[in-house]
Structures are given as C-alpha cells and as structure tokens.
C-alpha atoms as a PDB file:
ATOM      1  CA  MET A   1       7.670 -49.165  37.904  1.00  0.00           C
ATOM      2  CA  HIS A   2       9.526 -45.777  38.411  1.00  0.00           C
ATOM      3  CA  ARG A   3      11.831 -46.268  35.495  1.00  0.00           C
ATOM      4  CA  MET A   4       8.725 -46.971  33.179  1.00  0.00           C
ATOM      5  CA  PHE A   5       6.932 -44.003  34.426  1.00  0.00           C
ATOM      6  CA  MET A   6      10.053 -41.541  33.296  1.00  0.00           C
ATOM      7  CA  MET A   7      10.461 -43.322  30.076  1.00  0.00           C
ATOM      8  CA  ILE A   8       6.726 -42.404  29.119  1.00  0.00           C
ATOM      9  CA  VAL A   9       7.441 -38.967  30.384  1.00  0.00           C
ATOM     10  CA  THR A  10      10.133 -38.538  28.064  1.00  0.00           C
ATOM     11  CA  ILE A  11       8.436 -39.991  25.040  1.00  0.00           C
ATOM     12  CA  LEU A  12       5.592 -37.839  25.923  1.00  0.00           C
ATOM     13  CA  GLY A  13       7.936 -34.936  25.932  1.00  0.00           C
ATOM     14  CA  LEU A  14       9.633 -35.718  22.839  1.00  0.00           C
ATOM     15  CA  MET A  15       6.486 -36.198  20.922  1.00  0.00           C
ATOM     16  CA  THR A  16       5.196 -32.688  22.346  1.00  0.00           C
ATOM     17  CA  ALA A  17       8.284 -31.074  20.994  1.00  0.00           C
ATOM     18  CA  ALA A  18       8.093 -32.521  17.716  1.00  0.00           C
ATOM     19  CA  LEU A  19       4.352 -31.462  17.131  1.00  0.00           C
ATOM     20  CA  SER A  20       5.268 -28.107  18.452  1.00  0.00           C
ATOM     21  CA  THR A  21       8.053 -27.755  15.868  1.00  0.00           C
ATOM     22  CA  ASN A  22       5.827 -28.939  13.005  1.00  0.00           C
ATOM     23  CA  GLN A  23       3.158 -26.303  13.812  1.00  0.00           C
ATOM     24  CA  ASP A  24       5.869 -23.624  13.906  1.00  0.00           C
ATOM     25  CA  ARG A  25       6.872 -24.691  10.559  1.00  0.00           C
ATOM     26  CA  VAL A  26       3.293 -24.756   9.104  1.00  0.00           C
ATOM     27  CA  ALA A  27       2.728 -21.372  10.522  1.00  0.00           C
ATOM     28  CA  HIS A  28       5.847 -19.847   8.891  1.00  0.00           C
ATOM     29  CA  ALA A  29       5.096 -21.631   5.846  1.00  0.00           C
ATOM     30  CA  GLY A  30       1.657 -20.149   5.817  1.00  0.00           C
ATOM     31  CA  THR A  31       3.300 -16.455   6.380  1.00  0.00           C
ATOM     32  CA  ALA A  32       5.678 -17.134   3.466  1.00  0.00           C
ATOM     33  CA  VAL A  33       2.937 -18.165   1.155  1.00  0.00           C
ATOM     34  CA  GLN A  34       1.030 -14.916   1.977  1.00  0.00           C
ATOM     35  CA  GLU A  35       4.146 -12.777   1.395  1.00  0.00           C
ATOM     36  CA  LEU A  36       4.948 -14.168  -1.807  1.00  0.00           C
ATOM     37  CA  ARG A  37       1.363 -13.777  -3.341  1.00  0.00           C
ATOM     38  CA  LYS A  38       1.933 -12.550  -6.805  1.00  0.00           C
ATOM     39  CA  PRO A  39       1.091  -8.659  -7.318  1.00  0.00           C
ATOM     40  CA  ASP A  40      -2.393  -8.053  -8.684  1.00  0.00           C
ATOM     41  CA  VAL A  41      -0.769  -5.473 -11.366  1.00  0.00           C
ATOM     42  CA  ILE A  42       2.262  -5.175 -13.414  1.00  0.00           C
ATOM     43  CA  PHE A  43       4.420  -2.195 -12.529  1.00  0.00           C
ATOM     44  CA  VAL A  44       3.988   0.731 -15.022  1.00  0.00           C
ATOM     45  CA  PRO A  45       5.463   4.093 -13.715  1.00  0.00           C
ATOM     46  CA  THR A  46       3.584   7.301 -13.330  1.00  0.00           C
ATOM     47  CA  PRO A  47       5.165   9.973 -15.107  1.00  0.00           C
ATOM     48  CA  PRO A  48       6.862  12.896 -12.978  1.00  0.00           C
ATOM     49  CA  ASP A  49       4.542  15.459 -14.175  1.00  0.00           C
ATOM     50  CA  VAL A  50       1.361  13.166 -13.386  1.00  0.00           C
ATOM     51  CA  VAL A  51       2.897  12.726 -10.059  1.00  0.00           C
ATOM     52  CA  ASP A  52       3.094  16.359  -9.320  1.00  0.00           C
ATOM     53  CA  LYS A  53      -0.516  16.862 -10.315  1.00  0.00           C
ATOM     54  CA  MET A  54      -1.833  14.105  -8.283  1.00  0.00           C
ATOM     55  CA  LEU A  55       0.093  15.514  -5.115  1.00  0.00           C
ATOM     56  CA  GLU A  56      -1.309  18.885  -5.948  1.00  0.00           C
ATOM     57  CA  LEU A  57      -4.845  17.759  -6.274  1.00  0.00           C
ATOM     58  CA  ALA A  58      -4.642  15.840  -2.899  1.00  0.00           C
ATOM     59  CA  ALA A  59      -3.801  19.563  -1.335  1.00  0.00           C
ATOM     60  CA  ILE A  60      -0.993  18.148   0.898  1.00  0.00           C
ATOM     61  CA  LYS A  61       0.194  19.693   3.920  1.00  0.00           C
ATOM     62  CA  PRO A  62       3.286  19.191   5.825  1.00  0.00           C
ATOM     63  CA  THR A  63       1.418  17.590   8.644  1.00  0.00           C
ATOM     64  CA  ASP A  64      -0.492  15.014   6.357  1.00  0.00           C
ATOM     65  CA  LEU A  65       0.579  11.305   6.271  1.00  0.00           C
ATOM     66  CA  VAL A  66       0.361  10.032   2.685  1.00  0.00           C
ATOM     67  CA  TYR A  67       0.009   6.408   1.704  1.00  0.00           C
ATOM     68  CA  ASP A  68       0.719   5.145  -1.723  1.00  0.00           C
ATOM     69  CA  LEU A  69      -0.837   1.694  -2.362  1.00  0.00           C
ATOM     70  CA  GLY A  70       1.262  -0.353  -4.781  1.00  0.00           C
ATOM     71  CA  CYS A  71       4.167   1.909  -4.474  1.00  0.00           C
ATOM     72  CA  GLY A  72       6.239   0.540  -7.286  1.00  0.00           C
ATOM     73  CA  ASP A  73       9.659   2.469  -7.148  1.00  0.00           C
ATOM     74  CA  GLY A  74       8.521   4.733  -4.550  1.00  0.00           C
ATOM     75  CA  ARG A  75       8.408   7.807  -6.888  1.00  0.00           C
ATOM     76  CA  ILE A  76       5.131   9.212  -5.170  1.00  0.00           C
ATOM     77  CA  VAL A  77       6.076   9.107  -1.494  1.00  0.00           C
ATOM     78  CA  VAL A  78       9.573  10.310  -2.314  1.00  0.00           C
ATOM     79  CA  ALA A  79       8.200  13.396  -4.135  1.00  0.00           C
ATOM     80  CA  ALA A  80       5.708  14.093  -1.320  1.00  0.00           C
ATOM     81  CA  ALA A  81       8.255  14.056   1.217  1.00  0.00           C
ATOM     82  CA  LYS A  82      10.802  16.400  -0.923  1.00  0.00           C
ATOM     83  CA  LYS A  83       7.989  18.779  -2.138  1.00  0.00           C
ATOM     84  CA  TYR A  84       5.621  19.148   0.935  1.00  0.00           C
ATOM     85  CA  GLY A  85       8.033  17.742   3.844  1.00  0.00           C
ATOM     86  CA  CYS A  86       5.251  15.462   4.865  1.00  0.00           C
ATOM     87  CA  LYS A  87       5.462  11.736   6.242  1.00  0.00           C
ATOM     88  CA  ALA A  88       4.734   9.158   3.633  1.00  0.00           C
ATOM     89  CA  VAL A  89       4.441   5.383   3.473  1.00  0.00           C
ATOM     90  CA  GLY A  90       4.746   3.234   0.354  1.00  0.00           C
ATOM     91  CA  PHE A  91       3.226  -0.213   0.358  1.00  0.00           C
ATOM     92  CA  ASP A  92       3.843  -2.877  -2.246  1.00  0.00           C
ATOM     93  CA  ILE A  93       3.662  -6.753  -2.239  1.00  0.00           C
ATOM     94  CA  ASP A  94       6.315  -7.348  -4.689  1.00  0.00           C
ATOM     95  CA  PRO A  95      10.057  -7.518  -2.993  1.00  0.00           C
ATOM     96  CA  LYS A  96      11.715  -6.342  -5.866  1.00  0.00           C
ATOM     97  CA  ARG A  97       9.640  -3.167  -5.751  1.00  0.00           C
ATOM     98  CA  VAL A  98      10.358  -2.716  -2.236  1.00  0.00           C
ATOM     99  CA  GLN A  99      13.800  -3.018  -2.725  1.00  0.00           C
ATOM    100  CA  GLU A 100      13.541  -0.374  -5.620  1.00  0.00           C
ATOM    101  CA  SER A 101      11.693   1.840  -3.378  1.00  0.00           C
ATOM    102  CA  ARG A 102      13.914   1.743  -0.427  1.00  0.00           C
ATOM    103  CA  ASP A 103      17.066   2.410  -2.485  1.00  0.00           C
ATOM    104  CA  ASN A 104      15.093   5.545  -4.130  1.00  0.00           C
ATOM    105  CA  VAL A 105      14.253   6.906  -0.711  1.00  0.00           C
ATOM    106  CA  ARG A 106      17.812   6.429   0.391  1.00  0.00           C
ATOM    107  CA  GLN A 107      18.990   8.122  -2.704  1.00  0.00           C
ATOM    108  CA  ASN A 108      16.895  11.079  -2.224  1.00  0.00           C
ATOM    109  CA  ASN A 109      17.814  11.387   1.535  1.00  0.00           C
ATOM    110  CA  VAL A 110      14.219  11.313   2.711  1.00  0.00           C
ATOM    111  CA  GLN A 111      14.585   8.254   5.163  1.00  0.00           C
ATOM    112  CA  HIS A 112      13.417  10.522   8.088  1.00  0.00           C
ATOM    113  CA  LEU A 113      10.227  11.076   6.140  1.00  0.00           C
ATOM    114  CA  VAL A 114       9.270   7.972   4.041  1.00  0.00           C
ATOM    115  CA  THR A 115       8.906   4.423   5.282  1.00  0.00           C
ATOM    116  CA  ILE A 116       8.395   1.324   2.600  1.00  0.00           C
ATOM    117  CA  GLN A 117       6.668  -1.640   3.635  1.00  0.00           C
ATOM    118  CA  GLN A 118       6.089  -4.936   2.022  1.00  0.00           C
ATOM    119  CA  LYS A 119       2.444  -5.735   2.543  1.00  0.00           C
ATOM    120  CA  ASP A 120      -0.921  -6.701   1.005  1.00  0.00           C
ATOM    121  CA  ILE A 121      -2.612  -3.590   0.302  1.00  0.00           C
ATOM    122  CA  PHE A 122      -6.074  -5.312   0.800  1.00  0.00           C
ATOM    123  CA  THR A 123      -5.333  -6.265   4.461  1.00  0.00           C
ATOM    124  CA  LEU A 124      -4.098  -2.486   5.671  1.00  0.00           C
ATOM    125  CA  ASP A 125      -5.873  -0.349   8.226  1.00  0.00           C
ATOM    126  CA  LEU A 126      -5.975   3.042   6.115  1.00  0.00           C
ATOM    127  CA  SER A 127      -7.684   4.919   8.779  1.00  0.00           C
ATOM    128  CA  GLU A 128      -4.326   7.066   9.913  1.00  0.00           C
ATOM    129  CA  ALA A 129      -3.728   8.129   6.345  1.00  0.00           C
ATOM    130  CA  ASP A 130      -4.588  11.866   5.419  1.00  0.00           C
ATOM    131  CA  VAL A 131      -4.040  11.118   1.768  1.00  0.00           C
ATOM    132  CA  ILE A 132      -4.193   7.962  -0.386  1.00  0.00           C
ATOM    133  CA  THR A 133      -2.693   7.677  -3.971  1.00  0.00           C
ATOM    134  CA  LEU A 134      -3.492   4.875  -6.254  1.00  0.00           C
ATOM    135  CA  TYR A 135      -2.681   3.645  -9.570  1.00  0.00           C
ATOM    136  CA  LEU A 136      -4.366   0.283  -9.656  1.00  0.00           C
ATOM    137  CA  LEU A 137      -7.101  -1.492 -12.091  1.00  0.00           C
ATOM    138  CA  PRO A 138     -10.690  -0.374 -11.711  1.00  0.00           C
ATOM    139  CA  LYS A 139     -11.619  -3.664  -9.992  1.00  0.00           C
ATOM    140  CA  LEU A 140      -8.917  -3.216  -7.371  1.00  0.00           C
ATOM    141  CA  ASN A 141     -10.172   0.188  -6.572  1.00  0.00           C
ATOM    142  CA  VAL A 142     -13.548  -0.980  -6.070  1.00  0.00           C
ATOM    143  CA  LYS A 143     -12.170  -3.727  -3.780  1.00  0.00           C
ATOM    144  CA  LEU A 144     -10.540  -1.132  -1.607  1.00  0.00           C
ATOM    145  CA  ILE A 145     -13.898   0.728  -1.047  1.00  0.00           C
ATOM    146  CA  PRO A 146     -14.486  -0.932   2.540  1.00  0.00           C
ATOM    147  CA  GLN A 147     -10.980   0.376   3.682  1.00  0.00           C
ATOM    148  CA  LEU A 148     -11.561   3.748   2.213  1.00  0.00           C
ATOM    149  CA  ASP A 149     -14.783   4.292   3.788  1.00  0.00           C
ATOM    150  CA  LYS A 150     -12.946   4.049   7.089  1.00  0.00           C
ATOM    151  CA  LEU A 151     -10.764   7.024   6.564  1.00  0.00           C
ATOM    152  CA  LYS A 152     -11.312  10.120   8.719  1.00  0.00           C
ATOM    153  CA  PRO A 153     -13.707  12.912   7.068  1.00  0.00           C
ATOM    154  CA  GLY A 154     -11.428  15.164   4.851  1.00  0.00           C
ATOM    155  CA  SER A 155      -8.964  12.684   3.761  1.00  0.00           C
ATOM    156  CA  ARG A 156      -8.003  12.890   0.040  1.00  0.00           C
ATOM    157  CA  ILE A 157      -7.944  10.044  -2.480  1.00  0.00           C
ATOM    158  CA  VAL A 158      -6.181  10.541  -5.936  1.00  0.00           C
ATOM    159  CA  SER A 159      -6.058   8.089  -8.592  1.00  0.00           C
ATOM    160  CA  HIS A 160      -4.065   7.988 -11.715  1.00  0.00           C
ATOM    161  CA  SER A 161      -6.163   6.654 -14.888  1.00  0.00           C
ATOM    162  CA  PHE A 162      -8.796   4.809 -13.253  1.00  0.00           C
ATOM    163  CA  ASP A 163     -11.869   5.954 -11.105  1.00  0.00           C
ATOM    164  CA  ILE A 164     -13.875   3.878  -8.393  1.00  0.00           C
ATOM    165  CA  LYS A 165     -16.790   2.539  -9.777  1.00  0.00           C
ATOM    166  CA  GLY A 166     -19.992   3.466  -7.968  1.00  0.00           C
ATOM    167  CA  VAL A 167     -18.058   6.518  -6.140  1.00  0.00           C
ATOM    168  CA  LYS A 168     -18.546   9.924  -7.248  1.00  0.00           C
ATOM    169  CA  PRO A 169     -15.252  11.926  -7.906  1.00  0.00           C
ATOM    170  CA  GLU A 170     -14.918  15.560  -6.602  1.00  0.00           C
ATOM    171  CA  GLN A 171     -12.636  16.325  -9.502  1.00  0.00           C
ATOM    172  CA  ILE A 172     -11.535  14.843 -12.672  1.00  0.00           C
ATOM    173  CA  VAL A 173      -8.338  16.346 -14.126  1.00  0.00           C
ATOM    174  CA  ARG A 174      -6.749  15.575 -17.516  1.00  0.00           C
ATOM    175  CA  VAL A 175      -2.844  16.259 -17.848  1.00  0.00           C
ATOM    176  CA  LYS A 176      -0.759  16.273 -21.027  1.00  0.00           C
ATOM    177  CA  SER A 177       2.085  14.239 -20.068  1.00  0.00           C
ATOM    178  CA  GLY A 178       5.431  13.363 -21.740  1.00  0.00           C
ATOM    179  CA  LYS A 179       6.842  14.222 -24.986  1.00  0.00           C
ATOM    180  CA  ASP A 180       4.206  12.447 -26.804  1.00  0.00           C
ATOM    181  CA  GLY A 181       1.794  14.788 -25.038  1.00  0.00           C
ATOM    182  CA  SER A 182      -0.603  11.851 -24.235  1.00  0.00           C
ATOM    183  CA  THR A 183      -3.540  12.671 -21.966  1.00  0.00           C
ATOM    184  CA  ARG A 184      -3.532  11.166 -18.592  1.00  0.00           C
ATOM    185  CA  THR A 185      -6.582  11.380 -16.208  1.00  0.00           C
ATOM    186  CA  ILE A 186      -6.558  11.951 -12.527  1.00  0.00           C
ATOM    187  CA  TYR A 187      -9.443  11.362 -10.143  1.00  0.00           C
ATOM    188  CA  GLN A 188      -9.768  13.081  -6.796  1.00  0.00           C
ATOM    189  CA  TRP A 189     -12.126  12.467  -3.901  1.00  0.00           C
ATOM    190  CA  THR A 190     -12.449  13.920  -0.546  1.00  0.00           C
ATOM    191  CA  THR A 191     -13.832  11.594   2.337  1.00  0.00           C
ATOM    192  CA  PRO A 192     -16.692  10.690   3.410  1.00  0.00           C
ATOM    193  CA  LEU A 193     -17.076   9.151  -0.026  1.00  0.00           C
ATOM    194  CA  VAL A 194     -20.342  10.176  -1.866  1.00  0.00           C
ATOM    195  CA  LYS A 195     -21.844   6.808  -3.495  1.00  0.00           C
ATOM    196  CA  GLU A 196     -23.539   7.081  -7.000  1.00  0.00           C
ATOM    197  CA  GLY A 197     -27.373   7.189  -6.449  1.00  0.00           C
ATOM    198  CA  SER A 198     -27.080   8.929  -2.784  1.00  0.00           C
END
C-alpha cells in the first residue's frame, strides 16, 4: 500500500512539473510574439536640420528628460544629449533599429545620457518625460493621445510632418531642408493638450 502511494505521489509530481514547463513555454512564446510585432511605420530618417529645429521648438533644458517614440537610428536622442546635455530615451520595436541606435549612442559617446529600449510605444508610461518627439503617421499620433494626456503640465511635444488630429498645436513651423530645399513642417504642443472645440 505504501509503495502504491509513493508511486502515485511520484506520478503527480512529474505531471505537475510537465504542466509548469509547458506554461513557462507558452508565457515565453507570448513574450516573443509581442517583442517581434512588426513596426507600424517604415524608418525614414529625419534630416539633421529638422532634428535641430524640433529640439529648438521643444525648448530643451539640461534637466529635461526626452523620449523619442520610434527612435529609428537614434539621431534625435543623440542630438538632444550632445547639444543640450539632457538625458534621453529612444524607444523602437524593431530590433534592427534598436541596434543601430545603440551603435550611434556609443559612437557619439553619450552612453551616460542616452538609453535605447526595444518596446512597443503604445504600452509606455510617458508621464516621466518632459519632452516627446514624434515622426509617426497621423493615425498613430492620435492613438497616443491617452498617453500624452498623462504628461505633467508644461511638457512639450514636437512632431515632424504630422499633426495630432483633434488637438490644437501651439506652433506650426515650416523648415527648408536639405540640398533640394524641400519644406518640412514641425508641430509643437505644450501640455495640458488643448482639444479642438474646447
């Protein structure tokens, strides 16, 4: 009787271990799927003169924390750190872009100021940021509104090319950019956001 009881205990133990292992694998697989979600936009670099104007419109101070959502090759956060001496974090879901950004940070020796994270920007808590920079499609900017509404008062948001539908910009500035002199538009807001019709 004792031997049979011990066999049952052993079998139950093995079944529990197997179930736990499978659950761990499922959880890990879920994480991997989330991390490998395809980017919402293709990477199109912001020209350096437009980067400079975006940062100027954001009125960055050395004590500010800058978040670049969809950081691409990291040029905006690197420029912010080098020019203003502020801390900056770049977020991108594409592992290739994340690696390019980290390489850019190292090459410019701003590792003490700049961090690059592989994350889905629509799951981020943005409340710690003083400045948000964007170069996303209009529908993605709108999708960010609930997160942008949680920014502390006086935070600045700047967007290259695209506005935020339903939100009044504080400034709209057009910049002649590059050798061809093409015109780029930059939108700037200060929180709390002023909604159209309010």
